[in-house]
N, C-alpha and C. Protein backbone atom coordinates (compact mmCIF):
# COMPACT_ATOMS: atom_id res chain seq x y z
N MET A 1 -34.58 6.10 4.48
CA MET A 1 -33.36 5.64 3.85
C MET A 1 -32.75 6.80 3.05
N PRO A 2 -31.44 7.08 3.24
CA PRO A 2 -30.83 8.21 2.54
C PRO A 2 -30.74 7.96 1.04
N ASP A 3 -30.88 9.03 0.31
CA ASP A 3 -30.75 8.99 -1.14
C ASP A 3 -29.29 8.75 -1.50
N HIS A 4 -29.05 7.83 -2.42
CA HIS A 4 -27.67 7.50 -2.83
C HIS A 4 -26.96 8.70 -3.42
N SER A 5 -27.68 9.54 -4.17
CA SER A 5 -27.04 10.71 -4.78
C SER A 5 -26.60 11.70 -3.70
N ASP A 6 -27.37 11.80 -2.60
CA ASP A 6 -26.97 12.67 -1.49
C ASP A 6 -25.68 12.17 -0.86
N SER A 7 -25.56 10.86 -0.71
CA SER A 7 -24.34 10.27 -0.14
C SER A 7 -23.13 10.55 -1.03
N ALA A 8 -23.33 10.41 -2.34
CA ALA A 8 -22.24 10.67 -3.28
C ALA A 8 -21.83 12.13 -3.23
N GLU A 9 -22.83 13.02 -3.12
CA GLU A 9 -22.51 14.45 -3.05
C GLU A 9 -21.72 14.77 -1.78
N LEU A 10 -22.13 14.18 -0.66
CA LEU A 10 -21.43 14.40 0.60
C LEU A 10 -20.01 13.85 0.52
N LEU A 11 -19.88 12.65 -0.04
CA LEU A 11 -18.56 12.05 -0.18
C LEU A 11 -17.66 12.93 -1.03
N THR A 12 -18.18 13.43 -2.13
CA THR A 12 -17.40 14.31 -2.99
C THR A 12 -17.04 15.60 -2.27
N ALA A 13 -18.00 16.17 -1.56
CA ALA A 13 -17.77 17.44 -0.87
C ALA A 13 -16.70 17.33 0.20
N VAL A 14 -16.61 16.19 0.84
CA VAL A 14 -15.64 16.00 1.92
C VAL A 14 -14.33 15.40 1.40
N LEU A 15 -14.45 14.35 0.62
CA LEU A 15 -13.26 13.60 0.22
C LEU A 15 -12.43 14.31 -0.84
N LYS A 16 -13.08 14.95 -1.79
CA LYS A 16 -12.32 15.60 -2.88
C LYS A 16 -11.32 16.62 -2.34
N PRO A 17 -11.74 17.59 -1.51
CA PRO A 17 -10.75 18.55 -1.00
C PRO A 17 -9.73 17.91 -0.06
N LEU A 18 -10.15 16.88 0.67
CA LEU A 18 -9.21 16.21 1.56
C LEU A 18 -8.10 15.52 0.76
N LEU A 19 -8.47 14.85 -0.30
CA LEU A 19 -7.47 14.20 -1.16
C LEU A 19 -6.54 15.23 -1.80
N GLU A 20 -7.10 16.36 -2.20
CA GLU A 20 -6.27 17.42 -2.78
C GLU A 20 -5.28 17.95 -1.73
N ASP A 21 -5.75 18.14 -0.51
CA ASP A 21 -4.86 18.60 0.57
C ASP A 21 -3.76 17.59 0.85
N PHE A 22 -4.12 16.31 0.96
CA PHE A 22 -3.10 15.29 1.20
C PHE A 22 -2.04 15.31 0.10
N GLN A 23 -2.47 15.42 -1.14
CA GLN A 23 -1.51 15.43 -2.24
C GLN A 23 -0.58 16.65 -2.15
N GLU A 24 -1.14 17.78 -1.81
CA GLU A 24 -0.32 18.98 -1.68
C GLU A 24 0.69 18.82 -0.54
N TRP A 25 0.23 18.35 0.61
CA TRP A 25 1.12 18.18 1.76
C TRP A 25 2.21 17.15 1.48
N PHE A 26 1.82 16.05 0.81
CA PHE A 26 2.82 15.02 0.49
C PHE A 26 3.84 15.56 -0.51
N GLN A 27 3.39 16.32 -1.49
CA GLN A 27 4.32 16.87 -2.48
C GLN A 27 5.29 17.85 -1.83
N GLN A 28 4.79 18.71 -0.95
CA GLN A 28 5.66 19.65 -0.24
C GLN A 28 6.69 18.89 0.62
N SER A 29 6.23 17.86 1.28
CA SER A 29 7.13 17.06 2.12
C SER A 29 8.19 16.37 1.28
N LEU A 30 7.77 15.84 0.16
CA LEU A 30 8.71 15.17 -0.74
C LEU A 30 9.75 16.14 -1.27
N ASN A 31 9.31 17.35 -1.63
CA ASN A 31 10.25 18.37 -2.09
C ASN A 31 11.30 18.66 -1.02
N LEU A 32 10.86 18.78 0.23
CA LEU A 32 11.78 19.04 1.33
C LEU A 32 12.75 17.87 1.52
N LEU A 33 12.21 16.67 1.54
CA LEU A 33 13.04 15.48 1.80
C LEU A 33 14.04 15.21 0.68
N GLU A 34 13.71 15.62 -0.53
CA GLU A 34 14.61 15.35 -1.66
C GLU A 34 15.51 16.53 -1.99
N SER A 35 15.36 17.65 -1.27
CA SER A 35 16.13 18.85 -1.63
C SER A 35 17.55 18.84 -1.08
N LYS A 36 17.73 18.32 0.13
CA LYS A 36 19.06 18.32 0.74
C LYS A 36 19.05 17.40 1.95
N PRO A 37 20.24 17.02 2.42
CA PRO A 37 20.29 16.19 3.63
C PRO A 37 19.73 16.96 4.83
N ILE A 38 19.03 16.25 5.68
CA ILE A 38 18.48 16.82 6.90
C ILE A 38 19.34 16.31 8.05
N SER A 39 19.95 17.24 8.76
CA SER A 39 21.00 16.89 9.73
C SER A 39 20.56 15.94 10.83
N PHE A 40 19.32 16.00 11.26
CA PHE A 40 18.87 15.17 12.37
C PHE A 40 18.26 13.84 11.93
N LEU A 41 18.27 13.59 10.62
CA LEU A 41 17.85 12.30 10.08
C LEU A 41 19.06 11.62 9.45
N SER A 42 19.19 10.33 9.68
CA SER A 42 20.25 9.61 8.97
C SER A 42 19.84 9.54 7.50
N PRO A 43 20.80 9.33 6.60
CA PRO A 43 20.42 9.20 5.19
C PRO A 43 19.37 8.11 4.98
N GLU A 44 19.48 7.02 5.72
CA GLU A 44 18.51 5.93 5.60
C GLU A 44 17.13 6.37 6.08
N GLN A 45 17.07 7.09 7.21
CA GLN A 45 15.78 7.59 7.71
C GLN A 45 15.14 8.54 6.71
N GLN A 46 15.94 9.42 6.14
CA GLN A 46 15.42 10.38 5.18
C GLN A 46 14.91 9.68 3.93
N THR A 47 15.65 8.70 3.46
CA THR A 47 15.24 7.93 2.28
C THR A 47 13.96 7.15 2.56
N GLN A 48 13.88 6.53 3.73
CA GLN A 48 12.69 5.75 4.08
C GLN A 48 11.46 6.65 4.21
N LEU A 49 11.62 7.81 4.82
CA LEU A 49 10.51 8.75 4.96
C LEU A 49 10.07 9.24 3.58
N ALA A 50 11.02 9.57 2.72
CA ALA A 50 10.68 10.00 1.36
C ALA A 50 9.94 8.90 0.61
N HIS A 51 10.35 7.66 0.79
CA HIS A 51 9.68 6.53 0.14
C HIS A 51 8.24 6.39 0.64
N ARG A 52 8.04 6.52 1.94
CA ARG A 52 6.69 6.45 2.51
C ARG A 52 5.81 7.57 1.98
N VAL A 53 6.39 8.76 1.85
CA VAL A 53 5.64 9.91 1.33
C VAL A 53 5.29 9.68 -0.15
N LYS A 54 6.24 9.17 -0.94
CA LYS A 54 5.95 8.88 -2.35
C LYS A 54 4.82 7.87 -2.48
N THR A 55 4.85 6.84 -1.64
CA THR A 55 3.82 5.82 -1.67
C THR A 55 2.46 6.42 -1.31
N ALA A 56 2.42 7.22 -0.25
CA ALA A 56 1.17 7.85 0.17
C ALA A 56 0.65 8.82 -0.90
N LEU A 57 1.55 9.55 -1.53
CA LEU A 57 1.16 10.46 -2.61
C LEU A 57 0.51 9.68 -3.74
N ALA A 58 1.12 8.58 -4.14
CA ALA A 58 0.56 7.75 -5.21
C ALA A 58 -0.80 7.18 -4.80
N GLU A 59 -0.94 6.77 -3.55
CA GLU A 59 -2.22 6.25 -3.06
C GLU A 59 -3.30 7.33 -3.10
N ALA A 60 -2.97 8.52 -2.66
CA ALA A 60 -3.94 9.62 -2.66
C ALA A 60 -4.33 9.99 -4.10
N GLN A 61 -3.35 9.98 -5.00
CA GLN A 61 -3.64 10.28 -6.40
C GLN A 61 -4.56 9.21 -7.00
N THR A 62 -4.30 7.96 -6.67
CA THR A 62 -5.13 6.86 -7.16
C THR A 62 -6.55 6.97 -6.62
N ALA A 63 -6.67 7.27 -5.33
CA ALA A 63 -8.00 7.43 -4.72
C ALA A 63 -8.76 8.56 -5.41
N GLN A 64 -8.07 9.65 -5.72
CA GLN A 64 -8.72 10.77 -6.38
C GLN A 64 -9.18 10.37 -7.79
N MET A 65 -8.34 9.63 -8.50
CA MET A 65 -8.72 9.17 -9.85
C MET A 65 -9.93 8.25 -9.79
N LEU A 66 -9.95 7.35 -8.82
CA LEU A 66 -11.08 6.43 -8.67
C LEU A 66 -12.36 7.18 -8.30
N LEU A 67 -12.23 8.18 -7.45
CA LEU A 67 -13.38 8.99 -7.07
C LEU A 67 -13.98 9.65 -8.31
N ARG A 68 -13.10 10.20 -9.16
CA ARG A 68 -13.57 10.85 -10.39
C ARG A 68 -14.15 9.83 -11.37
N ALA A 69 -13.42 8.73 -11.57
CA ALA A 69 -13.82 7.74 -12.58
C ALA A 69 -15.13 7.05 -12.24
N THR A 70 -15.45 6.95 -10.97
CA THR A 70 -16.66 6.25 -10.56
C THR A 70 -17.78 7.21 -10.18
N ASN A 71 -17.60 8.49 -10.50
CA ASN A 71 -18.61 9.50 -10.16
C ASN A 71 -18.94 9.45 -8.67
N SER A 72 -17.88 9.40 -7.86
CA SER A 72 -17.97 9.42 -6.39
C SER A 72 -18.65 8.19 -5.81
N GLN A 73 -18.47 7.06 -6.47
CA GLN A 73 -19.07 5.82 -5.96
C GLN A 73 -18.10 5.04 -5.07
N VAL A 74 -16.88 5.50 -4.95
CA VAL A 74 -15.91 4.86 -4.07
C VAL A 74 -15.42 5.87 -3.04
N GLY A 75 -14.96 5.36 -1.93
CA GLY A 75 -14.43 6.22 -0.89
C GLY A 75 -13.05 5.74 -0.48
N VAL A 76 -12.61 6.20 0.68
CA VAL A 76 -11.33 5.80 1.23
C VAL A 76 -11.59 5.32 2.65
N GLU A 77 -11.02 4.19 3.00
CA GLU A 77 -11.18 3.67 4.35
C GLU A 77 -10.68 4.69 5.36
N ALA A 78 -11.39 4.82 6.46
CA ALA A 78 -10.99 5.75 7.52
C ALA A 78 -9.60 5.42 8.03
N SER A 79 -9.25 4.15 8.11
CA SER A 79 -7.92 3.77 8.59
C SER A 79 -6.83 4.30 7.66
N GLN A 80 -7.12 4.35 6.36
CA GLN A 80 -6.14 4.88 5.40
C GLN A 80 -5.98 6.38 5.60
N VAL A 81 -7.09 7.08 5.80
CA VAL A 81 -7.02 8.52 6.04
C VAL A 81 -6.21 8.80 7.31
N LEU A 82 -6.41 7.99 8.35
CA LEU A 82 -5.64 8.16 9.59
C LEU A 82 -4.15 7.90 9.36
N THR A 83 -3.83 6.92 8.55
CA THR A 83 -2.43 6.63 8.22
C THR A 83 -1.81 7.81 7.49
N TRP A 84 -2.52 8.36 6.52
CA TRP A 84 -2.01 9.53 5.79
C TRP A 84 -1.86 10.72 6.73
N HIS A 85 -2.82 10.90 7.60
CA HIS A 85 -2.76 12.02 8.54
C HIS A 85 -1.54 11.90 9.46
N SER A 86 -1.27 10.71 9.94
CA SER A 86 -0.09 10.48 10.79
C SER A 86 1.20 10.78 10.04
N LEU A 87 1.26 10.40 8.79
CA LEU A 87 2.45 10.66 7.98
C LEU A 87 2.62 12.16 7.75
N VAL A 88 1.53 12.86 7.48
CA VAL A 88 1.60 14.31 7.32
C VAL A 88 2.11 14.95 8.61
N ALA A 89 1.59 14.51 9.75
CA ALA A 89 2.03 15.06 11.04
C ALA A 89 3.51 14.79 11.26
N GLU A 90 3.99 13.63 10.88
CA GLU A 90 5.42 13.29 11.00
C GLU A 90 6.25 14.23 10.12
N CYS A 91 5.80 14.47 8.91
CA CYS A 91 6.52 15.36 8.00
C CYS A 91 6.50 16.80 8.51
N TRP A 92 5.38 17.22 9.06
CA TRP A 92 5.30 18.57 9.62
C TRP A 92 6.28 18.73 10.77
N ALA A 93 6.43 17.68 11.59
CA ALA A 93 7.38 17.73 12.71
C ALA A 93 8.81 17.88 12.20
N VAL A 94 9.14 17.17 11.13
CA VAL A 94 10.47 17.30 10.53
C VAL A 94 10.67 18.72 10.01
N SER A 95 9.68 19.23 9.30
CA SER A 95 9.77 20.58 8.75
C SER A 95 9.90 21.62 9.86
N ARG A 96 9.12 21.47 10.90
CA ARG A 96 9.18 22.42 12.03
C ARG A 96 10.56 22.39 12.68
N ARG A 97 11.09 21.19 12.92
CA ARG A 97 12.41 21.09 13.53
C ARG A 97 13.48 21.69 12.63
N LEU A 98 13.37 21.45 11.34
CA LEU A 98 14.34 22.00 10.39
C LEU A 98 14.29 23.52 10.39
N ARG A 99 13.10 24.09 10.42
CA ARG A 99 12.96 25.56 10.50
C ARG A 99 13.57 26.09 11.78
N GLN A 100 13.35 25.41 12.91
CA GLN A 100 13.90 25.84 14.18
C GLN A 100 15.43 25.81 14.16
N GLU A 101 15.97 24.75 13.60
CA GLU A 101 17.43 24.64 13.51
C GLU A 101 18.02 25.71 12.58
N ASN A 102 17.34 25.94 11.48
CA ASN A 102 17.80 26.97 10.54
C ASN A 102 17.75 28.35 11.18
N ALA A 103 16.72 28.61 11.95
CA ALA A 103 16.59 29.91 12.65
C ALA A 103 17.67 30.07 13.70
N ALA A 104 17.99 28.99 14.40
CA ALA A 104 19.02 29.05 15.44
C ALA A 104 20.42 29.23 14.83
N ASN A 105 20.61 28.68 13.64
CA ASN A 105 21.90 28.77 12.96
C ASN A 105 22.00 30.00 12.04
N GLY A 106 20.84 30.63 11.83
CA GLY A 106 20.70 31.67 10.84
C GLY A 106 21.42 32.92 11.09
């Protein structure tokens, strides 16, 4: 039977940096979405994407606080991590397309 402290250490070693990365990616995406209109997104699409990113950022921050407050006794459901990952990928696609358009117009 695995030692509970080993499990907590593994959870901290994996989850802590992952949560930090998600927060960084969400913040960068939010900065982009709130900085100016994006030509290939309708204002409603841009607002909805920014709202989803804000929500995910708050969720990741909450998960990180709970991880700290419980001395790594809580984790994050894999389905939630996959949802965040999909959102990050969506934001990266927007950023990539925006860079491509800026380079073509540059």
